[in-house]
Amino acid sequence: DFRGIQDAFMRGKGIDYFENSRRATLAQQSYAADNPGGWVGYGAN
């Protein structure tokens, strides 16, 4: 459970690893919605 705990790196960034993974998830969703490769079926959902 990385919520609310931080190592030196994350203290320097002002987030925790849980938030980091949330952002990675959101970025992947946005990438699929944008679909720069033009793959069939990709989208926000």
PDB file of all heavy atoms in Angstrom:
ATOM      1  N   ASP A   1       0.851  -1.186   0.000  1.00  0.00           N
ATOM      2  CA  ASP A   1       0.000   0.000   0.000  1.00  0.00           C
ATOM      3  C   ASP A   1       0.889   1.238   0.000  1.00  0.00           C
ATOM      4  O   ASP A   1       1.397   1.650   1.048  1.00  0.00           O
ATOM      5  CB  ASP A   1      -0.903  -0.031   1.239  1.00  0.00           C
ATOM      6  CG  ASP A   1      -1.865   1.144   1.298  1.00  0.00           C
ATOM      7  OD1 ASP A   1      -1.870   1.961   0.356  1.00  0.00           O
ATOM      8  OD2 ASP A   1      -2.602   1.247   2.294  1.00  0.00           O
ATOM      9  N   PHE A   2       1.065   1.832  -1.170  1.00  0.00           N
ATOM     10  CA  PHE A   2       1.930   3.004  -1.297  1.00  0.00           C
ATOM     11  C   PHE A   2       1.179   4.318  -1.116  1.00  0.00           C
ATOM     12  O   PHE A   2       1.773   5.386  -1.293  1.00  0.00           O
ATOM     13  CB  PHE A   2       2.610   2.999  -2.667  1.00  0.00           C
ATOM     14  CG  PHE A   2       3.740   2.006  -2.789  1.00  0.00           C
ATOM     15  CD1 PHE A   2       3.552   0.799  -3.435  1.00  0.00           C
ATOM     16  CD2 PHE A   2       4.989   2.292  -2.259  1.00  0.00           C
ATOM     17  CE1 PHE A   2       4.593  -0.119  -3.562  1.00  0.00           C
ATOM     18  CE2 PHE A   2       6.033   1.387  -2.375  1.00  0.00           C
ATOM     19  CZ  PHE A   2       5.839   0.175  -3.031  1.00  0.00           C
ATOM     20  N   ARG A   3      -0.091   4.259  -0.765  1.00  0.00           N
ATOM     21  CA  ARG A   3      -0.851   5.502  -0.589  1.00  0.00           C
ATOM     22  C   ARG A   3      -0.327   6.278   0.617  1.00  0.00           C
ATOM     23  O   ARG A   3      -0.288   5.771   1.734  1.00  0.00           O
ATOM     24  CB  ARG A   3      -2.334   5.191  -0.391  1.00  0.00           C
ATOM     25  CG  ARG A   3      -3.017   4.545  -1.593  1.00  0.00           C
ATOM     26  CD  ARG A   3      -4.410   4.077  -1.243  1.00  0.00           C
ATOM     27  NE  ARG A   3      -4.372   3.093  -0.170  1.00  0.00           N
ATOM     28  CZ  ARG A   3      -5.446   2.644   0.474  1.00  0.00           C
ATOM     29  NH1 ARG A   3      -6.646   3.101   0.153  1.00  0.00           N
ATOM     30  NH2 ARG A   3      -5.331   1.735   1.432  1.00  0.00           N
ATOM     31  N   GLY A   4       0.098   7.502   0.377  1.00  0.00           N
ATOM     32  CA  GLY A   4       0.473   8.385   1.467  1.00  0.00           C
ATOM     33  C   GLY A   4       1.857   8.173   2.033  1.00  0.00           C
ATOM     34  O   GLY A   4       2.234   8.858   2.976  1.00  0.00           O
ATOM     35  N   ILE A   5       2.634   7.234   1.498  1.00  0.00           N
ATOM     36  CA  ILE A   5       4.011   7.053   1.956  1.00  0.00           C
ATOM     37  C   ILE A   5       4.947   7.410   0.800  1.00  0.00           C
ATOM     38  O   ILE A   5       4.611   7.236  -0.368  1.00  0.00           O
ATOM     39  CB  ILE A   5       4.282   5.629   2.472  1.00  0.00           C
ATOM     40  CG1 ILE A   5       4.167   4.587   1.342  1.00  0.00           C
ATOM     41  CG2 ILE A   5       3.310   5.291   3.604  1.00  0.00           C
ATOM     42  CD1 ILE A   5       4.581   3.185   1.761  1.00  0.00           C
ATOM     43  N   GLN A   6       6.126   7.928   1.147  1.00  0.00           N
ATOM     44  CA  GLN A   6       7.034   8.437   0.110  1.00  0.00           C
ATOM     45  C   GLN A   6       8.474   8.086   0.439  1.00  0.00           C
ATOM     46  O   GLN A   6       8.890   8.133   1.602  1.00  0.00           O
ATOM     47  CB  GLN A   6       6.926   9.965   0.012  1.00  0.00           C
ATOM     48  CG  GLN A   6       5.564  10.498  -0.387  1.00  0.00           C
ATOM     49  CD  GLN A   6       5.496  12.012  -0.219  1.00  0.00           C
ATOM     50  OE1 GLN A   6       5.881  12.544   0.821  1.00  0.00           O
ATOM     51  NE2 GLN A   6       5.023  12.705  -1.249  1.00  0.00           N
ATOM     52  N   ASP A   7       9.239   7.752  -0.600  1.00  0.00           N
ATOM     53  CA  ASP A   7      10.692   7.675  -0.462  1.00  0.00           C
ATOM     54  C   ASP A   7      11.262   9.038  -0.838  1.00  0.00           C
ATOM     55  O   ASP A   7      10.514   9.996  -1.089  1.00  0.00           O
ATOM     56  CB  ASP A   7      11.253   6.555  -1.330  1.00  0.00           C
ATOM     57  CG  ASP A   7      11.015   6.772  -2.827  1.00  0.00           C
ATOM     58  OD1 ASP A   7      10.337   7.757  -3.199  1.00  0.00           O
ATOM     59  OD2 ASP A   7      11.518   5.953  -3.626  1.00  0.00           O
ATOM     60  N   ALA A   8      12.588   9.150  -0.871  1.00  0.00           N
ATOM     61  CA  ALA A   8      13.210  10.450  -1.144  1.00  0.00           C
ATOM     62  C   ALA A   8      12.809  10.977  -2.523  1.00  0.00           C
ATOM     63  O   ALA A   8      12.548  12.177  -2.680  1.00  0.00           O
ATOM     64  CB  ALA A   8      14.732  10.327  -1.035  1.00  0.00           C
ATOM     65  N   PHE A   9      12.742  10.097  -3.517  1.00  0.00           N
ATOM     66  CA  PHE A   9      12.398  10.548  -4.858  1.00  0.00           C
ATOM     67  C   PHE A   9      10.992  11.135  -4.888  1.00  0.00           C
ATOM     68  O   PHE A   9      10.772  12.236  -5.416  1.00  0.00           O
ATOM     69  CB  PHE A   9      12.517   9.401  -5.857  1.00  0.00           C
ATOM     70  CG  PHE A   9      12.279   9.827  -7.277  1.00  0.00           C
ATOM     71  CD1 PHE A   9      13.334  10.208  -8.085  1.00  0.00           C
ATOM     72  CD2 PHE A   9      10.994   9.879  -7.808  1.00  0.00           C
ATOM     73  CE1 PHE A   9      13.118  10.632  -9.396  1.00  0.00           C
ATOM     74  CE2 PHE A   9      10.768  10.295  -9.113  1.00  0.00           C
ATOM     75  CZ  PHE A   9      11.832  10.671  -9.902  1.00  0.00           C
ATOM     76  N   MET A  10      10.033  10.413  -4.330  1.00  0.00           N
ATOM     77  CA  MET A  10       8.658  10.885  -4.386  1.00  0.00           C
ATOM     78  C   MET A  10       8.414  12.095  -3.491  1.00  0.00           C
ATOM     79  O   MET A  10       7.593  12.958  -3.817  1.00  0.00           O
ATOM     80  CB  MET A  10       7.687   9.745  -4.036  1.00  0.00           C
ATOM     81  CG  MET A  10       7.544   8.725  -5.153  1.00  0.00           C
ATOM     82  SD  MET A  10       6.865   9.481  -6.664  1.00  0.00           S
ATOM     83  CE  MET A  10       7.029   8.140  -7.834  1.00  0.00           C
ATOM     84  N   ARG A  11       9.136  12.179  -2.389  1.00  0.00           N
ATOM     85  CA  ARG A  11       9.033  13.404  -1.575  1.00  0.00           C
ATOM     86  C   ARG A  11       9.456  14.612  -2.394  1.00  0.00           C
ATOM     87  O   ARG A  11       8.865  15.694  -2.295  1.00  0.00           O
ATOM     88  CB  ARG A  11       9.889  13.282  -0.307  1.00  0.00           C
ATOM     89  CG  ARG A  11       9.266  12.449   0.793  1.00  0.00           C
ATOM     90  CD  ARG A  11       9.983  12.632   2.124  1.00  0.00           C
ATOM     91  NE  ARG A  11      11.349  12.133   2.082  1.00  0.00           N
ATOM     92  CZ  ARG A  11      11.714  10.864   2.309  1.00  0.00           C
ATOM     93  NH1 ARG A  11      10.780   9.952   2.584  1.00  0.00           N
ATOM     94  NH2 ARG A  11      12.979  10.494   2.269  1.00  0.00           N
ATOM     95  N   GLY A  12      10.483  14.418  -3.224  1.00  0.00           N
ATOM     96  CA  GLY A  12      10.951  15.515  -4.065  1.00  0.00           C
ATOM     97  C   GLY A  12       9.957  15.914  -5.142  1.00  0.00           C
ATOM     98  O   GLY A  12       9.970  17.056  -5.611  1.00  0.00           O
ATOM     99  N   LYS A  13       9.081  14.997  -5.527  1.00  0.00           N
ATOM    100  CA  LYS A  13       8.090  15.279  -6.566  1.00  0.00           C
ATOM    101  C   LYS A  13       6.727  15.649  -5.993  1.00  0.00           C
ATOM    102  O   LYS A  13       5.841  16.095  -6.740  1.00  0.00           O
ATOM    103  CB  LYS A  13       7.942  14.070  -7.497  1.00  0.00           C
ATOM    104  CG  LYS A  13       9.231  13.672  -8.196  1.00  0.00           C
ATOM    105  CD  LYS A  13       9.794  14.804  -9.057  1.00  0.00           C
ATOM    106  CE  LYS A  13      11.049  14.367  -9.792  1.00  0.00           C
ATOM    107  NZ  LYS A  13      11.646  15.476 -10.592  1.00  0.00           N
ATOM    108  N   GLY A  14       6.527  15.433  -4.719  1.00  0.00           N
ATOM    109  CA  GLY A  14       5.274  15.825  -4.085  1.00  0.00           C
ATOM    110  C   GLY A  14       4.116  14.872  -4.317  1.00  0.00           C
ATOM    111  O   GLY A  14       2.959  15.250  -4.117  1.00  0.00           O
ATOM    112  N   ILE A  15       4.398  13.631  -4.756  1.00  0.00           N
ATOM    113  CA  ILE A  15       3.346  12.635  -4.937  1.00  0.00           C
ATOM    114  C   ILE A  15       3.805  11.323  -4.301  1.00  0.00           C
ATOM    115  O   ILE A  15       4.891  11.246  -3.729  1.00  0.00           O
ATOM    116  CB  ILE A  15       2.983  12.408  -6.421  1.00  0.00           C
ATOM    117  CG1 ILE A  15       4.177  11.835  -7.192  1.00  0.00           C
ATOM    118  CG2 ILE A  15       2.507  13.702  -7.060  1.00  0.00           C
ATOM    119  CD1 ILE A  15       3.834  11.362  -8.596  1.00  0.00           C
ATOM    120  N   ASP A  16       2.999  10.285  -4.410  1.00  0.00           N
ATOM    121  CA  ASP A  16       3.414   8.952  -3.983  1.00  0.00           C
ATOM    122  C   ASP A  16       3.327   8.004  -5.174  1.00  0.00           C
ATOM    123  O   ASP A  16       2.881   8.376  -6.260  1.00  0.00           O
ATOM    124  CB  ASP A  16       2.587   8.462  -2.787  1.00  0.00           C
ATOM    125  CG  ASP A  16       1.086   8.475  -3.046  1.00  0.00           C
ATOM    126  OD1 ASP A  16       0.676   8.265  -4.204  1.00  0.00           O
ATOM    127  OD2 ASP A  16       0.317   8.686  -2.085  1.00  0.00           O
ATOM    128  N   TYR A  17       3.757   6.768  -4.964  1.00  0.00           N
ATOM    129  CA  TYR A  17       3.769   5.815  -6.077  1.00  0.00           C
ATOM    130  C   TYR A  17       2.359   5.442  -6.540  1.00  0.00           C
ATOM    131  O   TYR A  17       2.152   5.120  -7.716  1.00  0.00           O
ATOM    132  CB  TYR A  17       4.551   4.555  -5.691  1.00  0.00           C
ATOM    133  CG  TYR A  17       6.043   4.764  -5.709  1.00  0.00           C
ATOM    134  CD1 TYR A  17       6.756   4.942  -4.523  1.00  0.00           C
ATOM    135  CD2 TYR A  17       6.755   4.795  -6.905  1.00  0.00           C
ATOM    136  CE1 TYR A  17       8.133   5.126  -4.528  1.00  0.00           C
ATOM    137  CE2 TYR A  17       8.132   4.990  -6.925  1.00  0.00           C
ATOM    138  CZ  TYR A  17       8.815   5.158  -5.728  1.00  0.00           C
ATOM    139  OH  TYR A  17      10.179   5.361  -5.749  1.00  0.00           O
ATOM    140  N   PHE A  18       1.402   5.481  -5.638  1.00  0.00           N
ATOM    141  CA  PHE A  18       0.016   5.220  -6.024  1.00  0.00           C
ATOM    142  C   PHE A  18      -0.454   6.267  -7.027  1.00  0.00           C
ATOM    143  O   PHE A  18      -1.025   5.939  -8.076  1.00  0.00           O
ATOM    144  CB  PHE A  18      -0.872   5.230  -4.779  1.00  0.00           C
ATOM    145  CG  PHE A  18      -2.312   4.873  -5.039  1.00  0.00           C
ATOM    146  CD1 PHE A  18      -2.759   3.571  -4.897  1.00  0.00           C
ATOM    147  CD2 PHE A  18      -3.238   5.842  -5.406  1.00  0.00           C
ATOM    148  CE1 PHE A  18      -4.089   3.235  -5.123  1.00  0.00           C
ATOM    149  CE2 PHE A  18      -4.562   5.529  -5.644  1.00  0.00           C
ATOM    150  CZ  PHE A  18      -4.990   4.221  -5.507  1.00  0.00           C
ATOM    151  N   GLU A  19      -0.201   7.527  -6.734  1.00  0.00           N
ATOM    152  CA  GLU A  19      -0.565   8.602  -7.652  1.00  0.00           C
ATOM    153  C   GLU A  19       0.210   8.472  -8.957  1.00  0.00           C
ATOM    154  O   GLU A  19      -0.326   8.737 -10.041  1.00  0.00           O
ATOM    155  CB  GLU A  19      -0.293   9.958  -7.004  1.00  0.00           C
ATOM    156  CG  GLU A  19      -0.400  11.167  -7.938  1.00  0.00           C
ATOM    157  CD  GLU A  19      -1.786  11.375  -8.529  1.00  0.00           C
ATOM    158  OE1 GLU A  19      -2.768  10.798  -8.020  1.00  0.00           O
ATOM    159  OE2 GLU A  19      -1.892  12.129  -9.513  1.00  0.00           O
ATOM    160  N   ASN A  20       1.452   8.042  -8.867  1.00  0.00           N
ATOM    161  CA  ASN A  20       2.252   7.848 -10.078  1.00  0.00           C
ATOM    162  C   ASN A  20       1.593   6.822 -11.003  1.00  0.00           C
ATOM    163  O   ASN A  20       1.499   7.026 -12.217  1.00  0.00           O
ATOM    164  CB  ASN A  20       3.659   7.382  -9.696  1.00  0.00           C
ATOM    165  CG  ASN A  20       4.642   7.524 -10.843  1.00  0.00           C
ATOM    166  OD1 ASN A  20       5.156   8.610 -11.102  1.00  0.00           O
ATOM    167  ND2 ASN A  20       4.920   6.424 -11.532  1.00  0.00           N
ATOM    168  N   SER A  21       1.116   5.729 -10.418  1.00  0.00           N
ATOM    169  CA  SER A  21       0.464   4.699 -11.227  1.00  0.00           C
ATOM    170  C   SER A  21      -0.894   5.162 -11.751  1.00  0.00           C
ATOM    171  O   SER A  21      -1.314   4.759 -12.839  1.00  0.00           O
ATOM    172  CB  SER A  21       0.311   3.416 -10.420  1.00  0.00           C
ATOM    173  OG  SER A  21       1.570   2.815 -10.198  1.00  0.00           O
ATOM    174  N   ARG A  22      -1.570   5.993 -10.983  1.00  0.00           N
ATOM    175  CA  ARG A  22      -2.828   6.560 -11.470  1.00  0.00           C
ATOM    176  C   ARG A  22      -2.569   7.399 -12.719  1.00  0.00           C
ATOM    177  O   ARG A  22      -3.294   7.299 -13.717  1.00  0.00           O
ATOM    178  CB  ARG A  22      -3.489   7.414 -10.388  1.00  0.00           C
ATOM    179  CG  ARG A  22      -4.902   7.900 -10.738  1.00  0.00           C
ATOM    180  CD  ARG A  22      -5.417   8.896  -9.707  1.00  0.00           C
ATOM    181  NE  ARG A  22      -4.762  10.186  -9.834  1.00  0.00           N
ATOM    182  CZ  ARG A  22      -5.170  11.157 -10.650  1.00  0.00           C
ATOM    183  NH1 ARG A  22      -6.223  10.984 -11.425  1.00  0.00           N
ATOM    184  NH2 ARG A  22      -4.516  12.302 -10.706  1.00  0.00           N
ATOM    185  N   ARG A  23      -1.528   8.204 -12.682  1.00  0.00           N
ATOM    186  CA  ARG A  23      -1.196   9.035 -13.837  1.00  0.00           C
ATOM    187  C   ARG A  23      -0.797   8.189 -15.037  1.00  0.00           C
ATOM    188  O   ARG A  23      -1.165   8.504 -16.180  1.00  0.00           O
ATOM    189  CB  ARG A  23      -0.064  10.001 -13.468  1.00  0.00           C
ATOM    190  CG  ARG A  23      -0.454  11.035 -12.429  1.00  0.00           C
ATOM    191  CD  ARG A  23       0.697  11.992 -12.112  1.00  0.00           C
ATOM    192  NE  ARG A  23       0.320  12.935 -11.062  1.00  0.00           N
ATOM    193  CZ  ARG A  23       1.099  13.929 -10.646  1.00  0.00           C
ATOM    194  NH1 ARG A  23       2.306  14.096 -11.195  1.00  0.00           N
ATOM    195  NH2 ARG A  23       0.694  14.747  -9.686  1.00  0.00           N
ATOM    196  N   ALA A  24      -0.053   7.119 -14.804  1.00  0.00           N
ATOM    197  CA  ALA A  24       0.323   6.232 -15.904  1.00  0.00           C
ATOM    198  C   ALA A  24      -0.909   5.609 -16.548  1.00  0.00           C
ATOM    199  O   ALA A  24      -0.984   5.465 -17.776  1.00  0.00           O
ATOM    200  CB  ALA A  24       1.260   5.132 -15.393  1.00  0.00           C
ATOM    201  N   THR A  25      -1.887   5.251 -15.720  1.00  0.00           N
ATOM    202  CA  THR A  25      -3.132   4.679 -16.228  1.00  0.00           C
ATOM    203  C   THR A  25      -3.897   5.695 -17.073  1.00  0.00           C
ATOM    204  O   THR A  25      -4.371   5.391 -18.173  1.00  0.00           O
ATOM    205  CB  THR A  25      -4.003   4.196 -15.060  1.00  0.00           C
ATOM    206  OG1 THR A  25      -3.269   3.221 -14.298  1.00  0.00           O
ATOM    207  CG2 THR A  25      -5.299   3.590 -15.544  1.00  0.00           C
ATOM    208  N   LEU A  26      -4.020   6.923 -16.564  1.00  0.00           N
ATOM    209  CA  LEU A  26      -4.712   7.974 -17.309  1.00  0.00           C
ATOM    210  C   LEU A  26      -4.014   8.280 -18.629  1.00  0.00           C
ATOM    211  O   LEU A  26      -4.670   8.531 -19.651  1.00  0.00           O
ATOM    212  CB  LEU A  26      -4.810   9.241 -16.458  1.00  0.00           C
ATOM    213  CG  LEU A  26      -5.664   9.152 -15.191  1.00  0.00           C
ATOM    214  CD1 LEU A  26      -5.567  10.456 -14.407  1.00  0.00           C
ATOM    215  CD2 LEU A  26      -7.117   8.845 -15.530  1.00  0.00           C
ATOM    216  N   ALA A  27      -2.675   8.256 -18.614  1.00  0.00           N
ATOM    217  CA  ALA A  27      -1.928   8.535 -19.834  1.00  0.00           C
ATOM    218  C   ALA A  27      -2.182   7.463 -20.888  1.00  0.00           C
ATOM    219  O   ALA A  27      -2.327   7.761 -22.076  1.00  0.00           O
ATOM    220  CB  ALA A  27      -0.436   8.632 -19.522  1.00  0.00           C
ATOM    221  N   GLN A  28      -2.254   6.215 -20.450  1.00  0.00           N
ATOM    222  CA  GLN A  28      -2.538   5.145 -21.414  1.00  0.00           C
ATOM    223  C   GLN A  28      -3.936   5.271 -22.001  1.00  0.00           C
ATOM    224  O   GLN A  28      -4.144   5.046 -23.195  1.00  0.00           O
ATOM    225  CB  GLN A  28      -2.366   3.775 -20.757  1.00  0.00           C
ATOM    226  CG  GLN A  28      -0.981   3.213 -20.921  1.00  0.00           C
ATOM    227  CD  GLN A  28      -0.995   1.760 -21.366  1.00  0.00           C
ATOM    228  OE1 GLN A  28      -1.989   1.233 -21.849  1.00  0.00           O
ATOM    229  NE2 GLN A  28       0.148   1.103 -21.211  1.00  0.00           N
ATOM    230  N   GLN A  29      -4.898   5.638 -21.160  1.00  0.00           N
ATOM    231  CA  GLN A  29      -6.251   5.845 -21.688  1.00  0.00           C
ATOM    232  C   GLN A  29      -6.245   6.961 -22.731  1.00  0.00           C
ATOM    233  O   GLN A  29      -6.857   6.839 -23.799  1.00  0.00           O
ATOM    234  CB  GLN A  29      -7.220   6.179 -20.563  1.00  0.00           C
ATOM    235  CG  GLN A  29      -8.653   6.349 -21.046  1.00  0.00           C
ATOM    236  CD  GLN A  29      -9.475   7.286 -20.185  1.00  0.00           C
ATOM    237  OE1 GLN A  29      -8.938   8.208 -19.560  1.00  0.00           O
ATOM    238  NE2 GLN A  29     -10.780   7.054 -20.134  1.00  0.00           N
ATOM    239  N   SER A  30      -5.562   8.053 -22.435  1.00  0.00           N
ATOM    240  CA  SER A  30      -5.510   9.177 -23.374  1.00  0.00           C
ATOM    241  C   SER A  30      -4.797   8.789 -24.661  1.00  0.00           C
ATOM    242  O   SER A  30      -5.189   9.222 -25.758  1.00  0.00           O
ATOM    243  CB  SER A  30      -4.803  10.371 -22.721  1.00  0.00           C
ATOM    244  OG  SER A  30      -5.536  10.842 -21.612  1.00  0.00           O
ATOM    245  N   TYR A  31      -3.751   7.991 -24.548  1.00  0.00           N
ATOM    246  CA  TYR A  31      -3.043   7.513 -25.741  1.00  0.00           C
ATOM    247  C   TYR A  31      -3.987   6.703 -26.630  1.00  0.00           C
ATOM    248  O   TYR A  31      -4.011   6.885 -27.857  1.00  0.00           O
ATOM    249  CB  TYR A  31      -1.844   6.661 -25.321  1.00  0.00           C
ATOM    250  CG  TYR A  31      -1.224   5.888 -26.447  1.00  0.00           C
ATOM    251  CD1 TYR A  31      -0.309   6.472 -27.315  1.00  0.00           C
ATOM    252  CD2 TYR A  31      -1.565   4.550 -26.664  1.00  0.00           C
ATOM    253  CE1 TYR A  31       0.253   5.755 -28.372  1.00  0.00           C
ATOM    254  CE2 TYR A  31      -1.017   3.822 -27.716  1.00  0.00           C
ATOM    255  CZ  TYR A  31      -0.101   4.428 -28.560  1.00  0.00           C
ATOM    256  OH  TYR A  31       0.437   3.712 -29.599  1.00  0.00           O
ATOM    257  N   ALA A  32      -4.769   5.823 -26.028  1.00  0.00           N
ATOM    258  CA  ALA A  32      -5.697   5.008 -26.810  1.00  0.00           C
ATOM    259  C   ALA A  32      -6.779   5.863 -27.451  1.00  0.00           C
ATOM    260  O   ALA A  32      -7.193   5.615 -28.591  1.00  0.00           O
ATOM    261  CB  ALA A  32      -6.320   3.933 -25.931  1.00  0.00           C
ATOM    262  N   ALA A  33      -7.270   6.861 -26.724  1.00  0.00           N
ATOM    263  CA  ALA A  33      -8.291   7.752 -27.282  1.00  0.00           C
ATOM    264  C   ALA A  33      -7.737   8.540 -28.473  1.00  0.00           C
ATOM    265  O   ALA A  33      -8.432   8.757 -29.475  1.00  0.00           O
ATOM    266  CB  ALA A  33      -8.817   8.693 -26.208  1.00  0.00           C
ATOM    267  N   ASP A  34      -6.484   8.945 -28.370  1.00  0.00           N
ATOM    268  CA  ASP A  34      -5.833   9.670 -29.466  1.00  0.00           C
ATOM    269  C   ASP A  34      -5.506   8.728 -30.636  1.00  0.00           C
ATOM    270  O   ASP A  34      -5.636   9.099 -31.799  1.00  0.00           O
ATOM    271  CB  ASP A  34      -4.564  10.339 -28.945  1.00  0.00           C
ATOM    272  CG  ASP A  34      -3.886  11.197 -29.991  1.00  0.00           C
ATOM    273  OD1 ASP A  34      -4.580  11.916 -30.724  1.00  0.00           O
ATOM    274  OD2 ASP A  34      -2.644  11.137 -30.077  1.00  0.00           O
ATOM    275  N   ASN A  35      -5.070   7.523 -30.275  1.00  0.00           N
ATOM    276  CA  ASN A  35      -4.809   6.454 -31.248  1.00  0.00           C
ATOM    277  C   ASN A  35      -3.917   6.901 -32.401  1.00  0.00           C
ATOM    278  O   ASN A  35      -4.302   6.849 -33.588  1.00  0.00           O
ATOM    279  CB  ASN A  35      -6.141   5.915 -31.791  1.00  0.00           C
ATOM    280  CG  ASN A  35      -5.984   4.609 -32.554  1.00  0.00           C
ATOM    281  OD1 ASN A  35      -4.968   3.943 -32.459  1.00  0.00           O
ATOM    282  ND2 ASN A  35      -7.012   4.254 -33.303  1.00  0.00           N
ATOM    283  N   PRO A  36      -2.686   7.332 -32.090  1.00  0.00           N
ATOM    284  CA  PRO A  36      -1.818   7.831 -33.157  1.00  0.00           C
ATOM    285  C   PRO A  36      -1.445   6.769 -34.181  1.00  0.00           C
ATOM    286  O   PRO A  36      -1.105   7.101 -35.322  1.00  0.00           O
ATOM    287  CB  PRO A  36      -0.582   8.330 -32.401  1.00  0.00           C
ATOM    288  CG  PRO A  36      -0.587   7.559 -31.120  1.00  0.00           C
ATOM    289  CD  PRO A  36      -2.026   7.393 -30.768  1.00  0.00           C
ATOM    290  N   GLY A  37      -1.509   5.487 -33.796  1.00  0.00           N
ATOM    291  CA  GLY A  37      -1.174   4.427 -34.736  1.00  0.00           C
ATOM    292  C   GLY A  37      -2.319   4.019 -35.639  1.00  0.00           C
ATOM    293  O   GLY A  37      -2.131   3.195 -36.544  1.00  0.00           O
ATOM    294  N   GLY A  38      -3.499   4.562 -35.405  1.00  0.00           N
ATOM    295  CA  GLY A  38      -4.633   4.249 -36.242  1.00  0.00           C
ATOM    296  C   GLY A  38      -5.091   2.802 -36.137  1.00  0.00           C
ATOM    297  O   GLY A  38      -5.555   2.214 -37.118  1.00  0.00           O
ATOM    298  N   TRP A  39      -5.017   2.220 -34.954  1.00  0.00           N
ATOM    299  CA  TRP A  39      -5.436   0.838 -34.755  1.00  0.00           C
ATOM    300  C   TRP A  39      -6.955   0.762 -34.610  1.00  0.00           C
ATOM    301  O   TRP A  39      -7.585   1.667 -34.068  1.00  0.00           O
ATOM    302  CB  TRP A  39      -4.770   0.245 -33.515  1.00  0.00           C
ATOM    303  CG  TRP A  39      -3.276   0.238 -33.590  1.00  0.00           C
ATOM    304  CD1 TRP A  39      -2.424   1.080 -32.958  1.00  0.00           C
ATOM    305  CD2 TRP A  39      -2.469  -0.645 -34.364  1.00  0.00           C
ATOM    306  NE1 TRP A  39      -1.120   0.786 -33.279  1.00  0.00           N
ATOM    307  CE2 TRP A  39      -1.122  -0.285 -34.154  1.00  0.00           C
ATOM    308  CE3 TRP A  39      -2.747  -1.717 -35.222  1.00  0.00           C
ATOM    309  CZ2 TRP A  39      -0.058  -0.951 -34.760  1.00  0.00           C
ATOM    310  CZ3 TRP A  39      -1.683  -2.386 -35.827  1.00  0.00           C
ATOM    311  CH2 TRP A  39      -0.362  -2.002 -35.593  1.00  0.00           C
ATOM    312  N   VAL A  40      -7.535  -0.288 -35.080  1.00  0.00           N
ATOM    313  CA  VAL A  40      -8.982  -0.470 -35.011  1.00  0.00           C
ATOM    314  C   VAL A  40      -9.407  -0.777 -33.576  1.00  0.00           C
ATOM    315  O   VAL A  40      -8.752  -1.550 -32.873  1.00  0.00           O
ATOM    316  CB  VAL A  40      -9.441  -1.616 -35.942  1.00  0.00           C
ATOM    317  CG1 VAL A  40     -10.935  -1.895 -35.771  1.00  0.00           C
ATOM    318  CG2 VAL A  40      -9.111  -1.291 -37.382  1.00  0.00           C
ATOM    319  N   GLY A  41     -10.495  -0.146 -33.137  1.00  0.00           N
ATOM    320  CA  GLY A  41     -11.093  -0.488 -31.848  1.00  0.00           C
ATOM    321  C   GLY A  41     -10.636   0.334 -30.676  1.00  0.00           C
ATOM    322  O   GLY A  41     -11.263   0.289 -29.607  1.00  0.00           O
ATOM    323  N   TYR A  42      -9.525   1.078 -30.800  1.00  0.00           N
ATOM    324  CA  TYR A  42      -9.023   1.861 -29.685  1.00  0.00           C
ATOM    325  C   TYR A  42      -9.990   3.001 -29.355  1.00  0.00           C
ATOM    326  O   TYR A  42     -10.675   3.539 -30.233  1.00  0.00           O
ATOM    327  CB  TYR A  42      -7.661   2.467 -30.007  1.00  0.00           C
ATOM    328  CG  TYR A  42      -6.488   1.535 -29.863  1.00  0.00           C
ATOM    329  CD1 TYR A  42      -6.617   0.167 -30.067  1.00  0.00           C
ATOM    330  CD2 TYR A  42      -5.228   2.025 -29.536  1.00  0.00           C
ATOM    331  CE1 TYR A  42      -5.524  -0.681 -29.934  1.00  0.00           C
ATOM    332  CE2 TYR A  42      -4.130   1.182 -29.414  1.00  0.00           C
ATOM    333  CZ  TYR A  42      -4.283  -0.169 -29.606  1.00  0.00           C
ATOM    334  OH  TYR A  42      -3.199  -1.003 -29.479  1.00  0.00           O
ATOM    335  N   GLY A  43     -10.021   3.405 -28.090  1.00  0.00           N
ATOM    336  CA  GLY A  43     -10.848   4.525 -27.681  1.00  0.00           C
ATOM    337  C   GLY A  43     -10.743   4.762 -26.199  1.00  0.00           C
ATOM    338  O   GLY A  43     -10.017   4.054 -25.486  1.00  0.00           O
ATOM    339  N   ALA A  44     -11.462   5.759 -25.709  1.00  0.00           N
ATOM    340  CA  ALA A  44     -11.403   6.112 -24.289  1.00  0.00           C
ATOM    341  C   ALA A  44     -11.874   4.976 -23.393  1.00  0.00           C
ATOM    342  O   ALA A  44     -11.504   4.911 -22.219  1.00  0.00           O
ATOM    343  CB  ALA A  44     -12.245   7.364 -24.031  1.00  0.00           C
ATOM    344  N   ASN A  45     -12.680   4.056 -23.937  1.00  0.00           N
ATOM    345  CA  ASN A  45     -13.177   2.933 -23.145  1.00  0.00           C
ATOM    346  C   ASN A  45     -12.656   1.578 -23.618  1.00  0.00           C
ATOM    347  O   ASN A  45     -13.116   0.546 -23.137  1.00  0.00           O
ATOM    348  CB  ASN A  45     -14.710   2.916 -23.158  1.00  0.00           C
ATOM    349  CG  ASN A  45     -15.297   4.095 -22.406  1.00  0.00           C
ATOM    350  OD1 ASN A  45     -14.710   4.587 -21.447  1.00  0.00           O
ATOM    351  ND2 ASN A  45     -16.435   4.577 -22.869  1.00  0.00           N
TER     352      ASN A  45
END
